[in-house]
N, C-alpha and C. Protein backbone atom coordinates (compact mmCIF):
# COMPACT_ATOMS: atom_id res chain seq x y z
N MET A 1 -141.11 -28.79 -20.62
CA MET A 1 -139.89 -28.21 -20.10
C MET A 1 -139.36 -29.02 -18.91
N GLY A 2 -140.21 -29.52 -18.08
CA GLY A 2 -139.79 -30.25 -16.90
C GLY A 2 -139.07 -31.53 -17.23
N ASN A 3 -139.57 -32.31 -18.21
CA ASN A 3 -138.93 -33.57 -18.58
C ASN A 3 -137.57 -33.33 -19.23
N GLU A 4 -137.48 -32.31 -20.05
CA GLU A 4 -136.20 -32.00 -20.71
C GLU A 4 -135.14 -31.64 -19.68
N TYR A 5 -135.52 -30.91 -18.65
CA TYR A 5 -134.56 -30.51 -17.61
C TYR A 5 -134.03 -31.73 -16.88
N VAL A 6 -134.90 -32.69 -16.54
CA VAL A 6 -134.49 -33.90 -15.83
C VAL A 6 -133.58 -34.73 -16.72
N ILE A 7 -133.93 -34.87 -17.99
CA ILE A 7 -133.11 -35.65 -18.92
C ILE A 7 -131.75 -34.99 -19.10
N LYS A 8 -131.73 -33.66 -19.24
CA LYS A 8 -130.46 -32.96 -19.41
C LYS A 8 -129.60 -33.09 -18.15
N ARG A 9 -130.24 -33.04 -17.01
CA ARG A 9 -129.52 -33.11 -15.75
C ARG A 9 -128.91 -34.49 -15.51
N LEU A 10 -129.55 -35.53 -16.00
CA LEU A 10 -129.07 -36.90 -15.81
C LEU A 10 -128.25 -37.41 -16.99
N SER A 11 -127.97 -36.55 -17.94
CA SER A 11 -127.24 -36.99 -19.13
C SER A 11 -125.81 -37.39 -18.77
N PRO A 12 -125.21 -38.32 -19.53
CA PRO A 12 -123.84 -38.75 -19.26
C PRO A 12 -122.81 -37.62 -19.35
N GLN A 13 -123.04 -36.69 -20.26
CA GLN A 13 -122.09 -35.58 -20.39
C GLN A 13 -122.11 -34.71 -19.13
N ASN A 14 -123.29 -34.45 -18.59
CA ASN A 14 -123.39 -33.67 -17.37
C ASN A 14 -122.79 -34.42 -16.19
N LEU A 15 -122.96 -35.74 -16.18
CA LEU A 15 -122.38 -36.57 -15.12
C LEU A 15 -120.86 -36.52 -15.19
N ARG A 16 -120.31 -36.59 -16.42
CA ARG A 16 -118.86 -36.50 -16.58
C ARG A 16 -118.33 -35.16 -16.08
N GLU A 17 -119.05 -34.08 -16.40
CA GLU A 17 -118.63 -32.75 -15.94
C GLU A 17 -118.66 -32.66 -14.42
N THR A 18 -119.69 -33.23 -13.82
CA THR A 18 -119.80 -33.23 -12.36
C THR A 18 -118.66 -34.03 -11.74
N LEU A 19 -118.36 -35.18 -12.31
CA LEU A 19 -117.25 -35.99 -11.80
C LEU A 19 -115.92 -35.27 -11.98
N ARG A 20 -115.76 -34.56 -13.08
CA ARG A 20 -114.54 -33.78 -13.29
C ARG A 20 -114.38 -32.70 -12.22
N ARG A 21 -115.49 -32.04 -11.88
CA ARG A 21 -115.45 -31.01 -10.83
C ARG A 21 -115.12 -31.62 -9.48
N VAL A 22 -115.74 -32.75 -9.18
CA VAL A 22 -115.47 -33.42 -7.90
C VAL A 22 -114.01 -33.85 -7.84
N ASP A 23 -113.47 -34.34 -8.95
CA ASP A 23 -112.07 -34.76 -8.99
C ASP A 23 -111.15 -33.57 -8.76
N ARG A 24 -111.47 -32.44 -9.35
CA ARG A 24 -110.66 -31.24 -9.15
C ARG A 24 -110.69 -30.79 -7.69
N ILE A 25 -111.87 -30.83 -7.08
CA ILE A 25 -111.99 -30.45 -5.67
C ILE A 25 -111.21 -31.42 -4.79
N ALA A 26 -111.28 -32.71 -5.09
CA ALA A 26 -110.55 -33.72 -4.30
C ALA A 26 -109.04 -33.51 -4.44
N ALA A 27 -108.57 -33.14 -5.62
CA ALA A 27 -107.14 -32.89 -5.81
C ALA A 27 -106.69 -31.70 -4.97
N ASP A 28 -107.48 -30.63 -4.95
CA ASP A 28 -107.14 -29.47 -4.13
C ASP A 28 -107.16 -29.83 -2.65
N LEU A 29 -108.13 -30.63 -2.25
CA LEU A 29 -108.23 -31.05 -0.86
C LEU A 29 -107.05 -31.93 -0.47
N ASN A 30 -106.59 -32.78 -1.39
CA ASN A 30 -105.42 -33.62 -1.11
C ASN A 30 -104.18 -32.77 -0.84
N VAL A 31 -104.00 -31.71 -1.61
CA VAL A 31 -102.86 -30.81 -1.39
C VAL A 31 -102.95 -30.20 0.00
N LEU A 32 -104.12 -29.75 0.38
CA LEU A 32 -104.31 -29.16 1.70
C LEU A 32 -104.02 -30.19 2.80
N LEU A 33 -104.50 -31.40 2.63
CA LEU A 33 -104.28 -32.44 3.64
C LEU A 33 -102.81 -32.81 3.76
N VAL A 34 -102.09 -32.82 2.65
CA VAL A 34 -100.65 -33.12 2.70
C VAL A 34 -99.92 -32.02 3.46
N VAL A 35 -100.28 -30.76 3.22
CA VAL A 35 -99.65 -29.65 3.93
C VAL A 35 -99.93 -29.75 5.43
N VAL A 36 -101.15 -30.07 5.80
CA VAL A 36 -101.49 -30.23 7.22
C VAL A 36 -100.72 -31.40 7.84
N ALA A 37 -100.61 -32.50 7.11
CA ALA A 37 -99.88 -33.67 7.62
C ALA A 37 -98.41 -33.34 7.83
N ILE A 38 -97.80 -32.61 6.89
CA ILE A 38 -96.40 -32.22 7.04
C ILE A 38 -96.24 -31.29 8.24
N GLY A 39 -97.16 -30.37 8.42
CA GLY A 39 -97.10 -29.48 9.57
C GLY A 39 -97.21 -30.23 10.88
N LEU A 40 -98.11 -31.19 10.96
CA LEU A 40 -98.26 -31.97 12.19
C LEU A 40 -97.03 -32.84 12.45
N ALA A 41 -96.45 -33.40 11.40
CA ALA A 41 -95.23 -34.20 11.57
C ALA A 41 -94.09 -33.32 12.07
N THR A 42 -93.99 -32.11 11.54
CA THR A 42 -92.95 -31.18 11.99
C THR A 42 -93.16 -30.81 13.45
N LEU A 43 -94.39 -30.57 13.83
CA LEU A 43 -94.70 -30.25 15.23
C LEU A 43 -94.35 -31.42 16.14
N ASP A 44 -94.66 -32.63 15.72
CA ASP A 44 -94.34 -33.82 16.50
C ASP A 44 -92.84 -33.99 16.67
N MET A 45 -92.08 -33.82 15.59
CA MET A 45 -90.62 -33.95 15.67
C MET A 45 -90.02 -32.85 16.56
N THR A 46 -90.57 -31.65 16.49
CA THR A 46 -90.10 -30.56 17.36
C THR A 46 -90.34 -30.90 18.82
N PHE A 47 -91.51 -31.45 19.13
CA PHE A 47 -91.82 -31.84 20.50
C PHE A 47 -90.86 -32.92 20.99
N LEU A 48 -90.61 -33.93 20.15
CA LEU A 48 -89.69 -35.00 20.55
C LEU A 48 -88.28 -34.46 20.76
N LEU A 49 -87.84 -33.55 19.91
CA LEU A 49 -86.51 -32.96 20.04
C LEU A 49 -86.40 -32.16 21.33
N THR A 50 -87.41 -31.34 21.65
CA THR A 50 -87.35 -30.55 22.87
C THR A 50 -87.41 -31.44 24.11
N GLN A 51 -88.15 -32.53 24.06
CA GLN A 51 -88.19 -33.45 25.20
C GLN A 51 -86.82 -34.08 25.42
N THR A 52 -86.13 -34.41 24.35
CA THR A 52 -84.78 -34.99 24.47
C THR A 52 -83.82 -33.97 25.07
N VAL A 53 -83.92 -32.72 24.62
CA VAL A 53 -83.05 -31.67 25.15
C VAL A 53 -83.34 -31.44 26.62
N VAL A 54 -84.60 -31.37 27.00
CA VAL A 54 -84.97 -31.13 28.41
C VAL A 54 -84.50 -32.30 29.28
N ASN A 55 -84.63 -33.51 28.80
CA ASN A 55 -84.20 -34.66 29.60
C ASN A 55 -82.69 -34.71 29.79
N ASN A 56 -81.92 -34.10 28.87
CA ASN A 56 -80.47 -34.12 28.97
C ASN A 56 -79.89 -32.88 29.66
N LEU A 57 -80.73 -31.97 30.12
CA LEU A 57 -80.23 -30.80 30.85
C LEU A 57 -79.72 -31.23 32.22
N PRO A 58 -78.73 -30.50 32.76
CA PRO A 58 -78.26 -30.86 34.11
C PRO A 58 -79.35 -30.61 35.14
N PRO A 59 -79.28 -31.31 36.26
CA PRO A 59 -80.32 -31.11 37.28
C PRO A 59 -80.25 -29.70 37.87
N ILE A 60 -81.36 -29.25 38.37
CA ILE A 60 -81.45 -27.91 38.96
C ILE A 60 -80.82 -27.94 40.34
N THR A 61 -79.98 -26.95 40.63
CA THR A 61 -79.37 -26.82 41.95
C THR A 61 -80.26 -25.93 42.80
N ARG A 62 -80.70 -26.47 43.91
CA ARG A 62 -81.56 -25.70 44.81
C ARG A 62 -80.67 -24.98 45.83
N ILE A 63 -80.99 -23.74 46.09
CA ILE A 63 -80.26 -22.96 47.09
C ILE A 63 -81.21 -22.71 48.25
N SER A 64 -80.75 -23.06 49.45
CA SER A 64 -81.56 -22.76 50.63
C SER A 64 -80.75 -21.84 51.54
N TYR A 65 -81.37 -20.81 52.01
CA TYR A 65 -80.72 -19.83 52.88
C TYR A 65 -80.96 -20.22 54.33
N ASP A 66 -79.90 -20.06 55.17
CA ASP A 66 -80.10 -20.25 56.60
C ASP A 66 -80.87 -19.08 57.16
N GLN A 67 -80.58 -17.92 56.59
CA GLN A 67 -81.30 -16.71 56.99
C GLN A 67 -82.01 -16.17 55.77
N ALA A 68 -82.96 -15.34 55.99
CA ALA A 68 -83.69 -14.73 54.86
C ALA A 68 -82.71 -13.84 54.10
N PRO A 69 -82.76 -13.83 52.78
CA PRO A 69 -81.83 -12.96 52.02
C PRO A 69 -82.15 -11.49 52.31
N PRO A 70 -81.11 -10.64 52.29
CA PRO A 70 -81.35 -9.22 52.58
C PRO A 70 -82.23 -8.59 51.50
N LEU A 71 -83.08 -7.70 51.91
CA LEU A 71 -83.96 -7.01 50.98
C LEU A 71 -83.19 -5.91 50.27
N ALA A 72 -83.45 -5.75 48.99
CA ALA A 72 -82.79 -4.68 48.23
C ALA A 72 -83.43 -3.35 48.60
N LYS A 73 -82.57 -2.32 48.70
CA LYS A 73 -83.09 -1.00 49.06
C LYS A 73 -83.11 -0.08 47.90
C-alpha cells in the first residue's frame, strides 16, 4: 500500500491537477493584486490633487488684537 500511494502521488496526472489548482489560485491572486494596485494608484492621485489644491489656496490672514477680545456673556 505504501509504494502505490507514493507512485500515485507522483504520477503525471496528479502533477497536472496540482499545477491546474496552483494556476487557478494564481489567477485569483492576480485579480486581487490588480484591485489593490488600482486602489493605491487612486489614493496616490487623490493625494497629489489635494496637495495641488492646498498649494493654490490663498494665504491665511492673521488677525492680531491690540486688546484682548471681549468675552461672550
